[in-house]
Amino acid sequence: MAEEKTLKFLLIGTTLVGKSSIMMRFCENKFLDNIGTTIGVDFKFAEVNIENEKIKLEIWDTAGQDRFRSITPSYYRNTNGIMIVYDITNEETFEHISTWFQEIKTNAPEDVVISIVGNKSDLENERVVPTKKGQKMATSYDCLFFEMSAKSGKNVRESFEKMAIQAFKVMKKTKKKPTKEINFASPSVDKKKCC
């Protein structure tokens, strides 16, 4: 039986940008108007098919408030993908992207796949962050860019699937060779004397 492959994704961003709603939409295909603010960390599982393989995605939703930042760094370990989420109707959430990149640089693996995600695309009439501005930011950081709506579901699954494909490619490319088997049954005895 083949070993199940798992990719760990982290959703980060300022509070109230919709990280929990994105996770719920992707993992459960639901949207709740009053989902509440994440306290600490939450996670869910989902599956995607890549190259005819079922890949399990572990989606971690982190609290966006400053008071929870100290617990977040440990969740960056062994992460394959990070989505930095901002709210297209709130310029301030977009301006924090550079701060999130600093945190990624300090805490995440070097080969992590990163995307900048503009959420709430269903609120086009309230938009204050133009799509081109988000694309330009993503280009400057050499990462993926998506806009989506957790409320309508538009582009949520597609964004996760594209991230998963990229992360899967990185995982395959950097896969470590198996370590040599150690035989504990017959220890080697050195007959030389020390002194």
N, C-alpha and C. Protein backbone atom coordinates (compact mmCIF):
# COMPACT_ATOMS: atom_id res chain seq x y z
N MET A 1 0.84 -1.19 0.00
CA MET A 1 0.00 0.00 0.00
C MET A 1 0.88 1.25 0.00
N ALA A 2 0.58 2.18 -0.88
CA ALA A 2 1.39 3.39 -0.99
C ALA A 2 1.18 4.30 0.22
N GLU A 3 2.25 4.97 0.57
CA GLU A 3 2.19 5.91 1.69
C GLU A 3 1.36 7.13 1.30
N GLU A 4 0.46 7.55 2.18
CA GLU A 4 -0.37 8.72 1.90
C GLU A 4 0.49 9.98 1.98
N LYS A 5 0.41 10.80 0.95
CA LYS A 5 1.18 12.04 0.93
C LYS A 5 0.33 13.16 1.51
N THR A 6 0.97 13.96 2.36
CA THR A 6 0.27 15.08 3.00
C THR A 6 1.05 16.36 2.77
N LEU A 7 0.32 17.41 2.42
CA LEU A 7 0.90 18.74 2.29
C LEU A 7 0.28 19.62 3.38
N LYS A 8 1.11 20.40 4.03
CA LYS A 8 0.64 21.30 5.08
C LYS A 8 0.60 22.73 4.53
N PHE A 9 -0.58 23.33 4.61
CA PHE A 9 -0.77 24.71 4.17
C PHE A 9 -1.14 25.57 5.37
N LEU A 10 -0.64 26.78 5.36
CA LEU A 10 -0.89 27.73 6.44
C LEU A 10 -1.59 28.95 5.86
N LEU A 11 -2.67 29.38 6.50
CA LEU A 11 -3.36 30.62 6.12
C LEU A 11 -2.97 31.68 7.13
N ILE A 12 -2.36 32.76 6.65
CA ILE A 12 -1.97 33.85 7.54
C ILE A 12 -2.52 35.16 6.99
N GLY A 13 -2.58 36.16 7.85
CA GLY A 13 -3.09 37.46 7.45
C GLY A 13 -3.72 38.15 8.64
N THR A 14 -3.99 39.42 8.46
CA THR A 14 -4.60 40.23 9.51
C THR A 14 -5.96 39.66 9.90
N THR A 15 -6.38 39.96 11.10
CA THR A 15 -7.68 39.49 11.58
C THR A 15 -8.82 40.01 10.69
N LEU A 16 -9.85 39.20 10.55
CA LEU A 16 -11.08 39.51 9.81
C LEU A 16 -10.93 39.61 8.29
N VAL A 17 -9.89 39.00 7.73
CA VAL A 17 -9.75 38.98 6.27
C VAL A 17 -10.49 37.79 5.66
N GLY A 18 -10.89 36.83 6.51
CA GLY A 18 -11.67 35.69 6.01
C GLY A 18 -10.91 34.38 5.92
N LYS A 19 -9.83 34.23 6.69
CA LYS A 19 -9.04 32.99 6.64
C LYS A 19 -9.88 31.77 7.04
N SER A 20 -10.62 31.89 8.12
CA SER A 20 -11.46 30.77 8.59
C SER A 20 -12.54 30.44 7.57
N SER A 21 -13.10 31.45 6.95
CA SER A 21 -14.14 31.24 5.94
C SER A 21 -13.57 30.56 4.70
N ILE A 22 -12.36 30.93 4.33
CA ILE A 22 -11.70 30.28 3.19
C ILE A 22 -11.48 28.80 3.50
N MET A 23 -10.97 28.52 4.70
CA MET A 23 -10.71 27.14 5.09
C MET A 23 -12.02 26.34 5.10
N MET A 24 -13.07 26.91 5.67
CA MET A 24 -14.35 26.21 5.74
C MET A 24 -14.93 25.99 4.35
N ARG A 25 -14.81 26.98 3.48
CA ARG A 25 -15.33 26.84 2.12
C ARG A 25 -14.58 25.72 1.39
N PHE A 26 -13.26 25.69 1.52
CA PHE A 26 -12.48 24.68 0.81
C PHE A 26 -12.69 23.29 1.39
N CYS A 27 -12.66 23.17 2.70
CA CYS A 27 -12.72 21.85 3.35
C CYS A 27 -14.12 21.29 3.48
N GLU A 28 -15.12 22.16 3.67
CA GLU A 28 -16.48 21.69 3.92
C GLU A 28 -17.51 22.23 2.93
N ASN A 29 -17.06 23.08 2.01
CA ASN A 29 -17.93 23.75 1.04
C ASN A 29 -19.10 24.45 1.71
N LYS A 30 -18.79 25.15 2.80
CA LYS A 30 -19.80 25.91 3.56
C LYS A 30 -19.32 27.34 3.75
N PHE A 31 -20.29 28.22 4.00
CA PHE A 31 -19.97 29.59 4.39
C PHE A 31 -20.91 30.00 5.51
N LEU A 32 -20.34 30.49 6.60
CA LEU A 32 -21.13 31.00 7.72
C LEU A 32 -20.89 32.49 7.84
N ASP A 33 -21.96 33.28 7.91
CA ASP A 33 -21.81 34.73 8.02
C ASP A 33 -21.09 35.16 9.29
N ASN A 34 -21.38 34.51 10.38
CA ASN A 34 -20.77 34.90 11.66
C ASN A 34 -19.89 33.79 12.19
N ILE A 35 -18.77 33.57 11.53
CA ILE A 35 -17.89 32.46 11.91
C ILE A 35 -17.08 32.76 13.16
N GLY A 36 -16.86 34.03 13.47
CA GLY A 36 -16.09 34.40 14.66
C GLY A 36 -14.60 34.44 14.39
N THR A 37 -13.89 35.05 15.29
CA THR A 37 -12.44 35.21 15.16
C THR A 37 -11.73 33.98 15.70
N THR A 38 -10.71 33.53 14.99
CA THR A 38 -9.93 32.38 15.44
C THR A 38 -9.11 32.77 16.66
N ILE A 39 -9.16 31.92 17.66
CA ILE A 39 -8.35 32.10 18.86
C ILE A 39 -7.24 31.07 18.77
N GLY A 40 -6.01 31.52 18.62
CA GLY A 40 -4.89 30.58 18.48
C GLY A 40 -4.83 30.02 17.08
N VAL A 41 -5.09 28.71 16.94
CA VAL A 41 -4.97 28.04 15.65
C VAL A 41 -6.09 27.01 15.50
N ASP A 42 -6.54 26.83 14.26
CA ASP A 42 -7.53 25.80 13.95
C ASP A 42 -7.03 25.08 12.71
N PHE A 43 -7.45 23.84 12.48
CA PHE A 43 -7.07 23.18 11.23
C PHE A 43 -8.13 22.19 10.79
N LYS A 44 -8.12 21.93 9.49
CA LYS A 44 -9.04 20.97 8.87
C LYS A 44 -8.27 20.23 7.77
N PHE A 45 -8.88 19.15 7.29
CA PHE A 45 -8.28 18.36 6.23
C PHE A 45 -9.14 18.41 4.98
N ALA A 46 -8.48 18.24 3.84
CA ALA A 46 -9.17 18.13 2.56
C ALA A 46 -8.29 17.26 1.66
N GLU A 47 -8.84 16.84 0.53
CA GLU A 47 -8.06 16.04 -0.41
C GLU A 47 -8.13 16.66 -1.79
N VAL A 48 -7.03 16.52 -2.52
CA VAL A 48 -6.98 16.92 -3.92
C VAL A 48 -6.31 15.79 -4.70
N ASN A 49 -6.55 15.75 -5.99
CA ASN A 49 -5.89 14.77 -6.85
C ASN A 49 -4.83 15.48 -7.67
N ILE A 50 -3.61 14.98 -7.57
CA ILE A 50 -2.50 15.53 -8.35
C ILE A 50 -1.78 14.36 -9.00
N GLU A 51 -1.63 14.43 -10.31
CA GLU A 51 -0.95 13.37 -11.06
C GLU A 51 -1.51 11.99 -10.69
N ASN A 52 -2.82 11.89 -10.67
CA ASN A 52 -3.53 10.64 -10.36
C ASN A 52 -3.24 10.10 -8.97
N GLU A 53 -2.84 10.97 -8.07
CA GLU A 53 -2.61 10.58 -6.68
C GLU A 53 -3.51 11.41 -5.78
N LYS A 54 -4.04 10.76 -4.75
CA LYS A 54 -4.80 11.50 -3.73
C LYS A 54 -3.81 12.12 -2.77
N ILE A 55 -3.87 13.43 -2.64
CA ILE A 55 -2.99 14.15 -1.73
C ILE A 55 -3.85 14.76 -0.62
N LYS A 56 -3.45 14.50 0.60
CA LYS A 56 -4.16 15.05 1.75
C LYS A 56 -3.60 16.43 2.05
N LEU A 57 -4.48 17.40 2.19
CA LEU A 57 -4.07 18.75 2.56
C LEU A 57 -4.47 19.01 4.00
N GLU A 58 -3.51 19.45 4.76
CA GLU A 58 -3.72 19.85 6.15
C GLU A 58 -3.74 21.37 6.12
N ILE A 59 -4.89 21.98 6.35
CA ILE A 59 -5.03 23.43 6.25
C ILE A 59 -5.06 24.01 7.66
N TRP A 60 -4.09 24.87 7.96
CA TRP A 60 -3.98 25.51 9.27
C TRP A 60 -4.40 26.96 9.17
N ASP A 61 -5.33 27.35 10.01
CA ASP A 61 -5.87 28.71 10.07
C ASP A 61 -5.32 29.36 11.33
N THR A 62 -4.54 30.41 11.16
CA THR A 62 -3.91 31.07 12.32
C THR A 62 -4.66 32.34 12.70
N ALA A 63 -4.59 32.69 13.96
CA ALA A 63 -5.20 33.94 14.44
C ALA A 63 -4.42 35.12 13.87
N GLY A 64 -5.14 36.15 13.47
CA GLY A 64 -4.50 37.31 12.88
C GLY A 64 -4.13 38.40 13.88
N GLN A 65 -4.64 38.29 15.11
CA GLN A 65 -4.38 39.34 16.09
C GLN A 65 -2.93 39.28 16.58
N ASP A 66 -2.36 40.44 16.85
CA ASP A 66 -0.97 40.54 17.32
C ASP A 66 -0.72 39.72 18.58
N ARG A 67 -1.70 39.64 19.46
CA ARG A 67 -1.47 38.95 20.73
C ARG A 67 -1.25 37.45 20.54
N PHE A 68 -1.60 36.90 19.37
CA PHE A 68 -1.38 35.48 19.13
C PHE A 68 -0.16 35.21 18.25
N ARG A 69 0.54 36.25 17.84
CA ARG A 69 1.68 36.08 16.94
C ARG A 69 2.77 35.19 17.52
N SER A 70 2.94 35.21 18.84
CA SER A 70 4.02 34.44 19.44
C SER A 70 3.82 32.93 19.29
N ILE A 71 2.57 32.47 19.15
CA ILE A 71 2.36 31.04 18.98
C ILE A 71 2.45 30.61 17.52
N THR A 72 2.33 31.55 16.61
CA THR A 72 2.32 31.22 15.19
C THR A 72 3.63 30.65 14.67
N PRO A 73 4.82 31.15 15.04
CA PRO A 73 6.06 30.65 14.43
C PRO A 73 6.23 29.14 14.41
N SER A 74 5.82 28.45 15.44
CA SER A 74 5.98 27.00 15.47
C SER A 74 5.15 26.31 14.38
N TYR A 75 4.08 26.95 13.93
CA TYR A 75 3.24 26.35 12.90
C TYR A 75 3.83 26.48 11.50
N TYR A 76 4.87 27.28 11.34
CA TYR A 76 5.52 27.41 10.04
C TYR A 76 6.38 26.18 9.71
N ARG A 77 6.82 25.45 10.74
CA ARG A 77 7.69 24.30 10.52
C ARG A 77 7.01 23.27 9.64
N ASN A 78 7.79 22.72 8.72
CA ASN A 78 7.31 21.67 7.82
C ASN A 78 6.11 22.09 6.96
N THR A 79 5.98 23.38 6.73
CA THR A 79 4.89 23.87 5.91
C THR A 79 5.28 23.81 4.44
N ASN A 80 4.36 23.34 3.60
CA ASN A 80 4.61 23.25 2.16
C ASN A 80 4.07 24.46 1.41
N GLY A 81 3.03 25.09 1.95
CA GLY A 81 2.42 26.22 1.27
C GLY A 81 1.85 27.22 2.26
N ILE A 82 1.97 28.49 1.92
CA ILE A 82 1.44 29.56 2.78
C ILE A 82 0.62 30.51 1.92
N MET A 83 -0.59 30.77 2.35
CA MET A 83 -1.44 31.77 1.70
C MET A 83 -1.50 32.99 2.62
N ILE A 84 -1.02 34.12 2.11
CA ILE A 84 -1.14 35.39 2.84
C ILE A 84 -2.44 36.03 2.35
N VAL A 85 -3.40 36.12 3.23
CA VAL A 85 -4.74 36.58 2.85
C VAL A 85 -4.94 38.04 3.25
N TYR A 86 -5.49 38.82 2.32
CA TYR A 86 -5.90 40.19 2.63
C TYR A 86 -7.34 40.37 2.15
N ASP A 87 -7.97 41.42 2.60
CA ASP A 87 -9.35 41.75 2.26
C ASP A 87 -9.31 42.84 1.19
N ILE A 88 -9.88 42.58 0.02
CA ILE A 88 -9.82 43.56 -1.07
C ILE A 88 -10.57 44.85 -0.75
N THR A 89 -11.37 44.85 0.32
CA THR A 89 -12.12 46.05 0.72
C THR A 89 -11.43 46.80 1.85
N ASN A 90 -10.21 46.38 2.21
CA ASN A 90 -9.51 46.98 3.35
C ASN A 90 -8.02 47.14 3.01
N GLU A 91 -7.64 48.35 2.65
CA GLU A 91 -6.25 48.65 2.25
C GLU A 91 -5.23 48.27 3.32
N GLU A 92 -5.58 48.49 4.58
CA GLU A 92 -4.64 48.22 5.68
C GLU A 92 -4.22 46.75 5.71
N THR A 93 -5.15 45.84 5.41
CA THR A 93 -4.81 44.41 5.41
C THR A 93 -3.81 44.09 4.30
N PHE A 94 -3.91 44.82 3.19
CA PHE A 94 -2.97 44.64 2.09
C PHE A 94 -1.59 45.18 2.46
N GLU A 95 -1.57 46.30 3.15
CA GLU A 95 -0.30 46.93 3.55
C GLU A 95 0.50 46.07 4.52
N HIS A 96 -0.14 45.14 5.21
CA HIS A 96 0.56 44.26 6.15
C HIS A 96 1.27 43.08 5.48
N ILE A 97 1.10 42.93 4.17
CA ILE A 97 1.71 41.78 3.48
C ILE A 97 3.22 41.72 3.68
N SER A 98 3.89 42.86 3.61
CA SER A 98 5.36 42.85 3.79
C SER A 98 5.75 42.35 5.18
N THR A 99 4.95 42.66 6.19
CA THR A 99 5.21 42.17 7.55
C THR A 99 5.07 40.65 7.59
N TRP A 100 4.06 40.12 6.90
CA TRP A 100 3.86 38.67 6.86
C TRP A 100 5.02 37.99 6.14
N PHE A 101 5.53 38.64 5.09
CA PHE A 101 6.68 38.06 4.38
C PHE A 101 7.91 38.00 5.27
N GLN A 102 8.09 39.00 6.12
CA GLN A 102 9.21 38.96 7.07
C GLN A 102 9.07 37.77 8.01
N GLU A 103 7.86 37.53 8.46
CA GLU A 103 7.60 36.40 9.36
C GLU A 103 7.87 35.08 8.64
N ILE A 104 7.48 34.99 7.39
CA ILE A 104 7.74 33.78 6.59
C ILE A 104 9.24 33.57 6.44
N LYS A 105 9.94 34.64 6.10
CA LYS A 105 11.39 34.56 5.90
C LYS A 105 12.09 34.06 7.17
N THR A 106 11.62 34.49 8.32
CA THR A 106 12.21 34.11 9.60
C THR A 106 11.85 32.69 10.02
N ASN A 107 10.65 32.24 9.72
CA ASN A 107 10.14 31.00 10.31
C ASN A 107 9.87 29.83 9.36
N ALA A 108 9.66 30.09 8.09
CA ALA A 108 9.23 29.02 7.18
C ALA A 108 10.40 28.37 6.45
N PRO A 109 10.20 27.16 5.95
CA PRO A 109 11.24 26.52 5.13
C PRO A 109 11.51 27.35 3.88
N GLU A 110 12.73 27.28 3.37
CA GLU A 110 13.11 28.08 2.19
C GLU A 110 12.31 27.72 0.95
N ASP A 111 11.92 26.46 0.81
CA ASP A 111 11.25 26.01 -0.41
C ASP A 111 9.72 26.07 -0.34
N VAL A 112 9.19 26.78 0.65
CA VAL A 112 7.73 26.87 0.80
C VAL A 112 7.13 27.63 -0.38
N VAL A 113 5.97 27.16 -0.84
CA VAL A 113 5.25 27.83 -1.92
C VAL A 113 4.35 28.88 -1.28
N ILE A 114 4.43 30.11 -1.79
CA ILE A 114 3.69 31.22 -1.18
C ILE A 114 2.73 31.83 -2.20
N SER A 115 1.56 32.20 -1.73
CA SER A 115 0.64 32.96 -2.58
C SER A 115 0.06 34.12 -1.79
N ILE A 116 -0.22 35.18 -2.51
CA ILE A 116 -0.94 36.32 -1.95
C ILE A 116 -2.38 36.16 -2.43
N VAL A 117 -3.32 36.24 -1.49
CA VAL A 117 -4.72 35.97 -1.79
C VAL A 117 -5.59 37.15 -1.40
N GLY A 118 -6.26 37.73 -2.38
CA GLY A 118 -7.24 38.78 -2.12
C GLY A 118 -8.60 38.14 -1.94
N ASN A 119 -9.15 38.20 -0.74
CA ASN A 119 -10.44 37.59 -0.44
C ASN A 119 -11.55 38.64 -0.53
N LYS A 120 -12.77 38.15 -0.61
CA LYS A 120 -14.00 38.96 -0.65
C LYS A 120 -14.23 39.59 -2.02
N SER A 121 -13.87 38.85 -3.08
CA SER A 121 -14.06 39.36 -4.43
C SER A 121 -15.54 39.52 -4.78
N ASP A 122 -16.43 38.97 -3.96
CA ASP A 122 -17.87 39.17 -4.16
C ASP A 122 -18.29 40.61 -3.81
N LEU A 123 -17.41 41.34 -3.12
CA LEU A 123 -17.71 42.73 -2.73
C LEU A 123 -17.02 43.71 -3.68
N GLU A 124 -17.14 43.46 -4.97
CA GLU A 124 -16.46 44.26 -5.99
C GLU A 124 -16.78 45.75 -5.87
N ASN A 125 -18.00 46.09 -5.52
CA ASN A 125 -18.39 47.50 -5.39
C ASN A 125 -17.72 48.21 -4.22
N GLU A 126 -17.17 47.43 -3.28
CA GLU A 126 -16.49 48.00 -2.11
C GLU A 126 -14.97 47.89 -2.21
N ARG A 127 -14.49 47.39 -3.34
CA ARG A 127 -13.06 47.16 -3.54
C ARG A 127 -12.26 48.44 -3.39
N VAL A 128 -11.15 48.36 -2.62
CA VAL A 128 -10.20 49.48 -2.52
C VAL A 128 -8.79 49.05 -2.95
N VAL A 129 -8.56 47.74 -3.05
CA VAL A 129 -7.26 47.24 -3.51
C VAL A 129 -7.46 46.67 -4.92
N PRO A 130 -6.97 47.39 -5.95
CA PRO A 130 -7.14 46.90 -7.32
C PRO A 130 -6.41 45.56 -7.53
N THR A 131 -6.97 44.74 -8.40
CA THR A 131 -6.37 43.44 -8.73
C THR A 131 -4.92 43.63 -9.18
N LYS A 132 -4.67 44.62 -10.02
CA LYS A 132 -3.31 44.84 -10.54
C LYS A 132 -2.32 45.13 -9.42
N LYS A 133 -2.77 45.79 -8.38
CA LYS A 133 -1.89 46.08 -7.23
C LYS A 133 -1.49 44.78 -6.53
N GLY A 134 -2.45 43.87 -6.37
CA GLY A 134 -2.17 42.57 -5.78
C GLY A 134 -1.22 41.76 -6.65
N GLN A 135 -1.47 41.78 -7.96
CA GLN A 135 -0.60 41.06 -8.90
C GLN A 135 0.83 41.60 -8.87
N LYS A 136 0.94 42.92 -8.81
CA LYS A 136 2.26 43.56 -8.76
C LYS A 136 3.01 43.16 -7.49
N MET A 137 2.30 43.13 -6.37
CA MET A 137 2.91 42.72 -5.10
C MET A 137 3.40 41.28 -5.20
N ALA A 138 2.58 40.40 -5.75
CA ALA A 138 2.95 38.99 -5.90
C ALA A 138 4.17 38.84 -6.80
N THR A 139 4.22 39.60 -7.87
CA THR A 139 5.37 39.56 -8.77
C THR A 139 6.63 40.03 -8.05
N SER A 140 6.52 41.07 -7.24
CA SER A 140 7.70 41.58 -6.53
C SER A 140 8.25 40.57 -5.52
N TYR A 141 7.38 39.70 -4.99
CA TYR A 141 7.82 38.67 -4.04
C TYR A 141 8.01 37.31 -4.72
N ASP A 142 7.81 37.26 -6.04
CA ASP A 142 7.97 36.03 -6.81
C ASP A 142 7.09 34.91 -6.24
N CYS A 143 5.81 35.22 -6.09
CA CYS A 143 4.89 34.22 -5.56
C CYS A 143 3.60 34.21 -6.39
N LEU A 144 2.74 33.28 -6.09
CA LEU A 144 1.47 33.16 -6.79
C LEU A 144 0.50 34.24 -6.31
N PHE A 145 -0.51 34.52 -7.13
CA PHE A 145 -1.54 35.49 -6.77
C PHE A 145 -2.91 34.95 -7.13
N PHE A 146 -3.85 35.09 -6.22
CA PHE A 146 -5.23 34.69 -6.46
C PHE A 146 -6.17 35.72 -5.84
N GLU A 147 -7.33 35.86 -6.45
CA GLU A 147 -8.44 36.53 -5.80
C GLU A 147 -9.56 35.52 -5.71
N MET A 148 -10.29 35.57 -4.62
CA MET A 148 -11.35 34.59 -4.40
C MET A 148 -12.45 35.18 -3.54
N SER A 149 -13.52 34.42 -3.42
CA SER A 149 -14.61 34.77 -2.52
C SER A 149 -14.97 33.54 -1.70
N ALA A 150 -14.69 33.59 -0.42
CA ALA A 150 -15.08 32.48 0.46
C ALA A 150 -16.61 32.39 0.51
N LYS A 151 -17.27 33.54 0.38
CA LYS A 151 -18.74 33.57 0.46
C LYS A 151 -19.38 32.84 -0.72
N SER A 152 -18.97 33.17 -1.94
CA SER A 152 -19.57 32.54 -3.12
C SER A 152 -18.85 31.24 -3.50
N GLY A 153 -17.63 31.09 -3.03
CA GLY A 153 -16.83 29.91 -3.38
C GLY A 153 -15.99 30.13 -4.63
N LYS A 154 -16.16 31.28 -5.28
CA LYS A 154 -15.45 31.55 -6.53
C LYS A 154 -13.93 31.50 -6.33
N ASN A 155 -13.29 30.64 -7.10
CA ASN A 155 -11.83 30.50 -7.19
C ASN A 155 -11.17 29.94 -5.93
N VAL A 156 -11.93 29.47 -4.96
CA VAL A 156 -11.33 28.92 -3.73
C VAL A 156 -10.66 27.58 -4.03
N ARG A 157 -11.42 26.62 -4.54
CA ARG A 157 -10.86 25.29 -4.82
C ARG A 157 -9.72 25.39 -5.83
N GLU A 158 -9.91 26.18 -6.88
CA GLU A 158 -8.88 26.31 -7.92
C GLU A 158 -7.57 26.84 -7.34
N SER A 159 -7.67 27.79 -6.43
CA SER A 159 -6.47 28.38 -5.82
C SER A 159 -5.72 27.35 -4.99
N PHE A 160 -6.44 26.59 -4.17
CA PHE A 160 -5.80 25.55 -3.36
C PHE A 160 -5.18 24.48 -4.25
N GLU A 161 -5.88 24.12 -5.32
CA GLU A 161 -5.35 23.09 -6.22
C GLU A 161 -4.07 23.55 -6.90
N LYS A 162 -4.04 24.80 -7.35
CA LYS A 162 -2.82 25.33 -7.99
C LYS A 162 -1.66 25.38 -6.99
N MET A 163 -1.96 25.80 -5.77
CA MET A 163 -0.93 25.80 -4.71
C MET A 163 -0.44 24.38 -4.45
N ALA A 164 -1.37 23.44 -4.37
CA ALA A 164 -1.02 22.05 -4.09
C ALA A 164 -0.14 21.47 -5.19
N ILE A 165 -0.45 21.78 -6.44
CA ILE A 165 0.36 21.29 -7.56
C ILE A 165 1.79 21.81 -7.43
N GLN A 166 1.93 23.11 -7.15
CA GLN A 166 3.28 23.69 -6.98
C GLN A 166 4.01 23.06 -5.80
N ALA A 167 3.33 22.92 -4.67
CA ALA A 167 3.95 22.36 -3.47
C ALA A 167 4.33 20.89 -3.69
N PHE A 168 3.49 20.16 -4.43
CA PHE A 168 3.77 18.75 -4.72
C PHE A 168 5.03 18.64 -5.59
N LYS A 169 5.16 19.53 -6.58
CA LYS A 169 6.37 19.53 -7.42
C LYS A 169 7.62 19.78 -6.59
N VAL A 170 7.53 20.74 -5.68
CA VAL A 170 8.67 21.05 -4.80
C VAL A 170 8.99 19.84 -3.93
N MET A 171 7.96 19.22 -3.37
CA MET A 171 8.16 18.06 -2.50
C MET A 171 8.84 16.92 -3.27
N LYS A 172 8.41 16.67 -4.50
CA LYS A 172 9.02 15.60 -5.30
C LYS A 172 10.47 15.93 -5.65
N LYS A 173 10.71 17.19 -5.98
CA LYS A 173 12.05 17.61 -6.39
C LYS A 173 13.05 17.56 -5.24
N THR A 174 12.60 17.90 -4.05
CA THR A 174 13.51 17.98 -2.90
C THR A 174 13.44 16.76 -2.00
N LYS A 175 12.73 15.74 -2.45
CA LYS A 175 12.57 14.55 -1.61
C LYS A 175 13.94 13.97 -1.26
N LYS A 176 14.15 13.74 0.02
CA LYS A 176 15.43 13.22 0.49
C LYS A 176 15.55 11.74 0.15
N LYS A 177 16.78 11.33 -0.12
CA LYS A 177 17.03 9.92 -0.37
C LYS A 177 16.91 9.17 0.95
N PRO A 178 16.48 7.91 0.86
CA PRO A 178 16.36 7.13 2.10
C PRO A 178 17.70 7.03 2.82
N THR A 179 17.63 7.06 4.12
CA THR A 179 18.86 6.93 4.90
C THR A 179 19.27 5.47 4.92
N LYS A 180 20.56 5.22 5.15
CA LYS A 180 21.05 3.85 5.21
C LYS A 180 20.48 3.16 6.44
N GLU A 181 20.19 1.90 6.26
CA GLU A 181 19.66 1.12 7.37
C GLU A 181 20.77 0.86 8.37
N ILE A 182 20.46 1.01 9.62
CA ILE A 182 21.44 0.77 10.68
C ILE A 182 21.13 -0.58 11.29
N ASN A 183 22.14 -1.42 11.39
CA ASN A 183 21.95 -2.75 11.95
C ASN A 183 22.36 -2.72 13.42
N PHE A 184 21.37 -2.81 14.29
CA PHE A 184 21.64 -2.78 15.72
C PHE A 184 21.94 -4.17 16.29
N ALA A 185 21.69 -5.22 15.52
CA ALA A 185 21.85 -6.58 16.01
C ALA A 185 23.31 -6.97 16.18
N SER A 186 24.17 -6.52 15.30
CA SER A 186 25.58 -6.90 15.42
C SER A 186 26.45 -5.66 15.49
N PRO A 187 26.65 -5.15 16.68
CA PRO A 187 27.46 -3.94 16.82
C PRO A 187 28.91 -4.21 16.45
N SER A 188 29.53 -3.20 15.88
CA SER A 188 30.93 -3.33 15.53
C SER A 188 31.76 -3.10 16.78
N VAL A 189 32.77 -3.91 16.95
CA VAL A 189 33.61 -3.81 18.14
C VAL A 189 35.00 -3.38 17.70
N ASP A 190 35.47 -2.30 18.26
CA ASP A 190 36.80 -1.80 17.94
C ASP A 190 37.78 -2.41 18.92
N LYS A 191 38.76 -3.16 18.39
CA LYS A 191 39.68 -3.88 19.26
C LYS A 191 40.87 -3.04 19.67
N LYS A 192 41.02 -1.86 19.10
CA LYS A 192 42.15 -1.00 19.47
C LYS A 192 41.93 -0.44 20.86
N LYS A 193 43.03 -0.27 21.53
CA LYS A 193 42.95 0.30 22.87
C LYS A 193 43.17 1.80 22.80
N CYS A 194 42.63 2.48 23.70
CA CYS A 194 42.68 3.93 23.73
C CYS A 194 44.06 4.46 24.08
N CYS A 195 44.71 3.93 25.08
CA CYS A 195 45.93 4.55 25.59
C CYS A 195 47.15 3.71 25.41
